[in-house]
């Protein structure tokens, strides 16, 4: 475990998270100014107030004590439950998987120069990570990492553990209403977390290692801003090493529409709806479970169809319809 003093912590935070609006980052900068005597107390208090973490009165009361008492004692400790001993480490799979997918998108753009993309990750849009664009056509994509094998899949949903990925039902329904063309791009990589512990953590320099420990130890106002800036910043800075050391799994694609169609046709694929005593078999989140081999498309196939035709070919495939006779009870 990395040990650190208030001074070491403050210098590390300012170096690694210079633009973060997390209260801890604001206090770290305020502490250094107070210790160095490089800014007037009123200016330091105004800095904390401008972060919208303190009232001006409270900031003015706090600043005179920072140089002697330190700043860490003013940050809320992180509550750790269950397996969340290193919660920040568990955020890296998503960032690494998204970076992998961006490389695939760049390769697509090189093959079909009318295709571009929008990065929606900082838009506050929880459904969409990237949107592929071509003229007026838009194909929203949610990138997911399947990092935990569902060992009870055969027993509970009738799929082999290595042929099973979950899609959260509430998110898929939400997508159909708000982003009806949404595609899930899922990378199955059950060794990713171990790879992070083995290959990524040792890449941290001294400041990065301290901030990693601090973010595991502390929370506070706008902690998510600090978490995102740290995780995505580290992933970007060390990407060349990550690319060499980490596996590069295939992306498998399925639409939100198809996920819900599978739920409707095979409710037993969604324990909690079609299976009794679900809580004893897996997590509480209600997922529809998808066969990788039978119900998803490899990214290589989607890639080739876009290159050979257009985004419209994939959008039409997502919205394919057929006529069925179904029960429509009056009573």
Protein backbone atom coordinates (compact mmCIF):
# COMPACT_ATOMS: atom_id res chain seq x y z
CA UNK A 1 0.00 0.00 0.00
CA UNK A 2 1.31 3.44 -0.97
CA UNK A 3 1.85 5.73 2.04
CA UNK A 4 1.72 9.47 1.66
CA UNK A 5 1.85 12.69 3.65
CA UNK A 6 -0.49 15.62 3.07
CA UNK A 7 2.24 17.39 1.12
CA UNK A 8 2.97 14.37 -1.06
CA UNK A 9 -0.76 13.84 -1.62
CA UNK A 10 -1.38 17.46 -2.55
CA UNK A 11 1.52 17.62 -5.02
CA UNK A 12 0.47 14.33 -6.62
CA UNK A 13 -3.17 15.40 -7.02
CA UNK A 14 -2.22 18.76 -8.55
CA UNK A 15 0.17 17.01 -10.95
CA UNK A 16 -2.18 14.20 -12.03
CA UNK A 17 -5.59 15.92 -11.75
CA UNK A 18 -4.86 19.58 -12.51
CA UNK A 19 -8.30 20.38 -13.94
CA UNK A 20 -10.51 18.28 -11.69
CA UNK A 21 -13.48 19.88 -9.95
CA UNK A 22 -13.41 17.28 -7.17
CA UNK A 23 -13.36 18.87 -3.74
CA UNK A 24 -10.19 16.92 -2.90
CA UNK A 25 -8.36 18.46 -5.86
CA UNK A 26 -9.50 21.92 -4.85
CA UNK A 27 -8.35 21.38 -1.27
CA UNK A 28 -5.00 20.00 -2.45
CA UNK A 29 -4.29 23.16 -4.46
CA UNK A 30 -5.52 25.36 -1.62
CA UNK A 31 -3.27 23.53 0.86
CA UNK A 32 -0.17 24.01 -1.31
CA UNK A 33 -0.88 27.72 -1.73
CA UNK A 34 -1.38 28.05 2.04
CA UNK A 35 1.85 26.21 2.87
CA UNK A 36 3.87 28.16 0.30
CA UNK A 37 2.27 31.46 1.25
CA UNK A 38 1.99 32.21 -2.44
CA UNK A 39 -1.63 33.41 -2.32
CA UNK A 40 -3.69 35.56 -0.02
CA UNK A 41 -6.17 33.68 2.20
CA UNK A 42 -9.07 35.50 0.56
CA UNK A 43 -7.94 34.34 -2.89
CA UNK A 44 -7.61 30.75 -1.68
CA UNK A 45 -11.08 30.88 -0.14
CA UNK A 46 -12.47 32.25 -3.40
CA UNK A 47 -10.84 29.32 -5.25
CA UNK A 48 -12.68 26.81 -3.02
CA UNK A 49 -15.93 28.76 -3.34
CA UNK A 50 -15.66 28.85 -7.15
CA UNK A 51 -15.51 25.05 -7.18
CA UNK A 52 -19.02 25.17 -5.70
CA UNK A 53 -18.00 22.80 -2.89
CA UNK A 54 -18.17 25.30 -0.01
CA UNK A 55 -20.00 28.48 0.85
CA UNK A 56 -17.68 31.51 0.84
CA UNK A 57 -18.06 31.85 4.61
CA UNK A 58 -17.06 28.23 5.27
CA UNK A 59 -14.14 28.49 2.83
CA UNK A 60 -12.88 31.61 4.63
CA UNK A 61 -13.09 29.74 7.97
CA UNK A 62 -11.28 26.70 6.58
CA UNK A 63 -8.34 28.28 4.78
CA UNK A 64 -6.39 29.61 7.84
CA UNK A 65 -6.23 26.07 9.28
CA UNK A 66 -5.05 24.26 6.13
CA UNK A 67 -1.32 24.90 6.42
CA UNK A 68 -1.12 23.40 9.92
CA UNK A 69 -3.90 20.80 9.93
CA UNK A 70 -3.46 19.49 6.40
CA UNK A 71 -6.21 18.96 3.83
CA UNK A 72 -6.87 15.21 3.83
CA UNK A 73 -8.79 15.37 7.09
CA UNK A 74 -11.36 17.59 5.33
CA UNK A 75 -12.18 15.00 2.63
CA UNK A 76 -14.84 12.40 3.23
CA UNK A 77 -13.47 8.87 3.56
CA UNK A 78 -14.69 6.36 1.00
CA UNK A 79 -17.09 3.75 2.34
CA UNK A 80 -15.90 0.33 1.20
CA UNK A 81 -18.24 -2.61 1.07
CA UNK A 82 -17.95 -6.16 -0.19
CA UNK A 83 -15.23 -6.55 -2.81
CA UNK A 84 -14.72 -2.80 -3.27
CA UNK A 85 -11.26 -2.68 -1.65
CA UNK A 86 -9.81 -1.07 -4.79
CA UNK A 87 -12.86 0.51 -6.47
CA UNK A 88 -10.81 2.63 -8.88
CA UNK A 89 -9.12 -0.44 -10.35
CA UNK A 90 -12.56 -1.80 -11.23
CA UNK A 91 -13.21 1.26 -13.41
CA UNK A 92 -10.34 0.55 -15.80
CA UNK A 93 -11.98 -2.27 -17.82
CA UNK A 94 -14.55 0.12 -19.29
CA UNK A 95 -11.92 2.72 -20.23
CA UNK A 96 -9.60 0.13 -21.79
CA UNK A 97 -12.46 -1.50 -23.71
CA UNK A 98 -13.62 1.87 -25.05
CA UNK A 99 -10.08 2.71 -26.18
CA UNK A 100 -9.90 -0.62 -28.00
CA UNK A 101 -13.17 0.13 -29.76
CA UNK A 102 -11.95 3.60 -30.77
CA UNK A 103 -9.07 1.94 -32.60
CA UNK A 104 -11.60 -0.17 -34.49
CA UNK A 105 -13.56 2.97 -35.39
CA UNK A 106 -10.40 4.67 -36.67
CA UNK A 107 -9.76 1.64 -38.85
CA UNK A 108 -13.32 1.91 -40.19
CA UNK A 109 -12.86 5.61 -40.98
CA UNK A 110 -9.68 4.78 -42.89
CA UNK A 111 -11.60 2.28 -45.04
CA UNK A 112 -14.69 4.45 -45.58
CA UNK A 113 -13.89 8.15 -45.31
CA UNK A 114 -17.54 9.22 -45.29
CA UNK A 115 -17.91 7.67 -41.84
CA UNK A 116 -17.03 9.66 -38.73
CA UNK A 117 -17.89 9.42 -35.03
CA UNK A 118 -18.95 11.50 -32.05
CA UNK A 119 -17.66 10.79 -28.55
CA UNK A 120 -20.65 10.93 -26.22
CA UNK A 121 -18.96 9.74 -23.03
CA UNK A 122 -18.78 13.17 -21.36
CA UNK A 123 -22.20 14.32 -22.55
CA UNK A 124 -24.02 12.84 -19.56
CA UNK A 125 -25.78 10.46 -21.94
CA UNK A 126 -25.73 7.16 -20.09
CA UNK A 127 -26.98 5.07 -23.01
CA UNK A 128 -24.45 6.01 -25.69
CA UNK A 129 -20.64 5.99 -25.68
CA UNK A 130 -19.99 6.71 -29.37
CA UNK A 131 -22.16 7.59 -32.35
CA UNK A 132 -21.04 6.58 -35.84
CA UNK A 133 -22.16 9.13 -38.41
CA UNK A 134 -22.43 9.19 -42.21
CA UNK A 135 -24.28 12.12 -43.69
CA UNK A 136 -27.63 12.19 -41.91
CA UNK A 137 -27.25 8.60 -40.69
CA UNK A 138 -26.47 8.02 -37.02
CA UNK A 139 -25.63 4.73 -35.34
CA UNK A 140 -25.33 4.99 -31.52
CA UNK A 141 -23.09 2.45 -29.80
CA UNK A 142 -22.72 1.42 -26.17
CA UNK A 143 -19.37 -0.28 -25.51
CA UNK A 144 -19.38 -2.97 -22.83
CA UNK A 145 -16.82 -5.25 -21.24
CA UNK A 146 -17.99 -8.72 -20.22
CA UNK A 147 -15.39 -9.41 -17.60
CA UNK A 148 -17.09 -11.95 -15.33
CA UNK A 149 -18.09 -15.40 -16.57
CA UNK A 150 -21.63 -16.43 -15.56
CA UNK A 151 -20.69 -19.82 -14.17
CA UNK A 152 -24.33 -20.82 -13.49
CA UNK A 153 -25.46 -19.94 -17.01
CA UNK A 154 -26.21 -23.53 -18.07
CA UNK A 155 -28.34 -24.17 -15.01
CA UNK A 156 -30.17 -20.84 -14.94
CA UNK A 157 -30.53 -19.69 -18.55
CA UNK A 158 -29.63 -22.72 -20.66
CA UNK A 159 -26.44 -21.28 -22.17
CA UNK A 160 -22.85 -22.40 -21.75
CA UNK A 161 -20.86 -20.00 -19.54
CA UNK A 162 -18.49 -19.12 -22.39
CA UNK A 163 -21.45 -18.46 -24.72
CA UNK A 164 -23.35 -16.08 -22.47
CA UNK A 165 -23.31 -12.29 -22.07
CA UNK A 166 -25.79 -10.17 -20.06
CA UNK A 167 -27.63 -7.07 -21.26
CA UNK A 168 -29.45 -5.05 -18.55
CA UNK A 169 -33.16 -5.14 -19.36
CA UNK A 170 -34.05 -1.65 -18.10
CA UNK A 171 -31.27 -0.09 -20.18
CA UNK A 172 -32.34 -1.92 -23.32
CA UNK A 173 -35.97 -0.81 -22.87
CA UNK A 174 -34.80 2.76 -22.23
CA UNK A 175 -32.68 2.61 -25.38
CA UNK A 176 -35.59 1.48 -27.55
CA UNK A 177 -37.53 4.55 -26.45
CA UNK A 178 -34.68 7.08 -26.68
CA UNK A 179 -32.08 5.55 -29.05
CA UNK A 180 -33.94 2.89 -31.06
CA UNK A 181 -30.92 2.11 -33.28
CA UNK A 182 -28.57 1.47 -30.35
CA UNK A 183 -25.98 -1.27 -30.74
CA UNK A 184 -24.12 -2.91 -27.88
CA UNK A 185 -20.48 -3.66 -28.73
CA UNK A 186 -19.35 -6.24 -26.18
CA UNK A 187 -15.75 -7.36 -25.64
CA UNK A 188 -15.55 -10.64 -23.74
CA UNK A 189 -12.36 -10.58 -21.69
CA UNK A 190 -12.46 -12.55 -18.46
CA UNK A 191 -8.76 -11.91 -17.80
CA UNK A 192 -8.87 -8.12 -18.03
CA UNK A 193 -9.00 -7.37 -14.30
CA UNK A 194 -6.06 -9.67 -13.63
CA UNK A 195 -4.18 -8.00 -16.48
CA UNK A 196 -4.80 -4.61 -14.89
CA UNK A 197 -3.32 -5.78 -11.60
CA UNK A 198 -0.39 -7.46 -13.34
CA UNK A 199 0.47 -5.01 -16.10
CA UNK A 200 -1.16 -1.62 -15.53
CA UNK A 201 -0.62 -0.81 -11.85
CA UNK A 202 3.18 -1.28 -12.15
CA UNK A 203 3.21 1.36 -14.93
CA UNK A 204 2.13 4.11 -12.52
CA UNK A 205 4.75 6.71 -11.70
CA UNK A 206 5.06 7.89 -8.10
CA UNK A 207 2.40 10.60 -8.37
CA UNK A 208 -0.04 8.33 -10.21
CA UNK A 209 0.41 5.61 -7.56
CA UNK A 210 -0.34 8.10 -4.77
CA UNK A 211 -3.46 9.46 -6.51
CA UNK A 212 -4.65 5.90 -7.20
CA UNK A 213 -4.40 5.18 -3.46
CA UNK A 214 -6.07 8.47 -2.52
CA UNK A 215 -9.03 7.83 -4.83
CA UNK A 216 -9.43 4.39 -3.29
CA UNK A 217 -9.37 5.95 0.20
CA UNK A 218 -11.44 9.11 -0.21
CA UNK A 219 -14.69 10.33 -1.75
CA UNK A 220 -16.41 13.73 -1.50
CA UNK A 221 -18.17 16.18 -3.79
CA UNK A 222 -17.64 15.47 -7.51
CA UNK A 223 -15.48 12.41 -6.86
CA UNK A 224 -16.74 11.03 -10.18
CA UNK A 225 -14.97 13.85 -12.01
CA UNK A 226 -11.67 12.87 -10.40
CA UNK A 227 -12.26 9.16 -11.02
CA UNK A 228 -13.00 9.68 -14.71
CA UNK A 229 -10.07 12.05 -15.27
CA UNK A 230 -7.72 9.63 -13.51
CA UNK A 231 -8.90 6.43 -15.19
CA UNK A 232 -9.15 7.85 -18.71
CA UNK A 233 -5.97 9.90 -18.28
CA UNK A 234 -3.98 6.85 -17.18
CA UNK A 235 -5.43 4.74 -19.99
CA UNK A 236 -4.44 7.35 -22.57
CA UNK A 237 -0.97 8.01 -21.17
CA UNK A 238 -0.04 4.35 -20.95
CA UNK A 239 -1.95 3.10 -23.98
CA UNK A 240 1.04 1.88 -25.98
CA UNK A 241 2.12 -0.35 -23.09
CA UNK A 242 -1.45 -1.53 -22.52
CA UNK A 243 -1.80 -2.48 -26.20
CA UNK A 244 1.31 -4.63 -25.97
CA UNK A 245 0.57 -6.35 -22.67
CA UNK A 246 -3.21 -6.83 -22.76
CA UNK A 247 -5.26 -9.29 -24.80
CA UNK A 248 -7.28 -7.91 -27.69
CA UNK A 249 -10.63 -9.74 -27.65
CA UNK A 250 -13.17 -9.62 -30.45
CA UNK A 251 -16.14 -7.28 -30.21
CA UNK A 252 -19.56 -8.90 -30.60
CA UNK A 253 -22.55 -6.73 -31.51
CA UNK A 254 -26.25 -6.95 -30.72
CA UNK A 255 -28.93 -4.27 -30.85
CA UNK A 256 -31.11 -3.19 -27.94
CA UNK A 257 -34.09 -4.16 -30.09
CA UNK A 258 -32.86 -7.71 -30.55
CA UNK A 259 -32.05 -8.02 -26.85
CA UNK A 260 -35.65 -7.20 -25.95
CA UNK A 261 -36.94 -9.49 -28.68
CA UNK A 262 -35.01 -12.36 -27.09
CA UNK A 263 -36.51 -11.44 -23.71
CA UNK A 264 -40.01 -11.54 -25.19
CA UNK A 265 -39.54 -14.84 -26.99
CA UNK A 266 -37.47 -16.58 -24.30
CA UNK A 267 -38.33 -15.16 -20.88
CA UNK A 268 -36.29 -17.89 -19.20
CA UNK A 269 -33.22 -16.08 -20.49
CA UNK A 270 -34.13 -13.37 -17.99
CA UNK A 271 -34.19 -14.85 -14.49
CA UNK A 272 -36.31 -12.73 -12.24
CA UNK A 273 -38.98 -12.83 -14.93
CA UNK A 274 -38.92 -16.40 -16.18
CA UNK A 275 -37.19 -18.23 -13.32
CA UNK A 276 -38.17 -18.60 -9.68
CA UNK A 277 -35.78 -17.78 -6.83
CA UNK A 278 -33.48 -15.74 -9.05
CA UNK A 279 -31.86 -14.02 -6.10
CA UNK A 280 -30.20 -17.26 -5.05
CA UNK A 281 -28.58 -17.76 -8.44
CA UNK A 282 -26.95 -14.51 -9.51
CA UNK A 283 -26.84 -10.75 -9.03
CA UNK A 284 -29.96 -8.75 -8.34
CA UNK A 285 -29.83 -6.78 -11.62
CA UNK A 286 -32.32 -8.10 -14.16
CA UNK A 287 -30.46 -9.07 -17.35
CA UNK A 288 -31.43 -10.78 -20.56
CA UNK A 289 -28.77 -13.36 -21.39
CA UNK A 290 -27.55 -13.57 -24.97
CA UNK A 291 -25.91 -16.41 -26.88
CA UNK A 292 -22.66 -15.04 -28.26
CA UNK A 293 -22.44 -17.58 -31.08
CA UNK A 294 -26.07 -17.56 -32.20
CA UNK A 295 -27.41 -14.10 -31.40
CA UNK A 296 -24.57 -11.61 -31.86
CA UNK A 297 -22.61 -10.48 -34.90
CA UNK A 298 -18.82 -10.17 -34.96
CA UNK A 299 -17.56 -6.61 -35.39
CA UNK A 300 -15.60 -7.77 -38.46
CA UNK A 301 -18.88 -8.57 -40.24
CA UNK A 302 -20.48 -5.26 -39.29
CA UNK A 303 -17.26 -3.47 -40.29
CA UNK A 304 -17.28 -5.07 -43.75
CA UNK A 305 -20.98 -4.29 -44.31
CA UNK A 306 -20.45 -0.63 -43.47
CA UNK A 307 -17.38 -0.41 -45.72
CA UNK A 308 -19.15 -2.19 -48.58
CA UNK A 309 -22.53 -0.45 -48.27
CA UNK A 310 -23.10 2.20 -45.57
CA UNK A 311 -24.28 2.74 -42.02
CA UNK A 312 -27.76 2.49 -43.50
CA UNK A 313 -27.31 -1.24 -44.09
CA UNK A 314 -26.79 -1.81 -40.35
CA UNK A 315 -29.61 0.54 -39.35
CA UNK A 316 -31.98 -1.33 -41.68
CA UNK A 317 -30.86 -4.64 -40.16
CA UNK A 318 -31.58 -3.34 -36.65
CA UNK A 319 -35.08 -2.26 -37.70
CA UNK A 320 -36.01 -5.37 -39.71
CA UNK A 321 -39.63 -6.41 -39.19
CA UNK A 322 -41.72 -9.51 -39.79
CA UNK A 323 -45.42 -10.31 -39.41
CA UNK A 324 -46.51 -12.76 -36.73
CA UNK A 325 -49.81 -13.98 -35.34
CA UNK A 326 -49.71 -13.47 -31.59
CA UNK A 327 -52.11 -13.85 -28.71
CA UNK A 328 -54.07 -10.67 -28.01
CA UNK A 329 -56.43 -11.64 -25.17
CA UNK A 330 -59.54 -9.57 -24.60
CA UNK A 331 -59.75 -11.04 -21.08
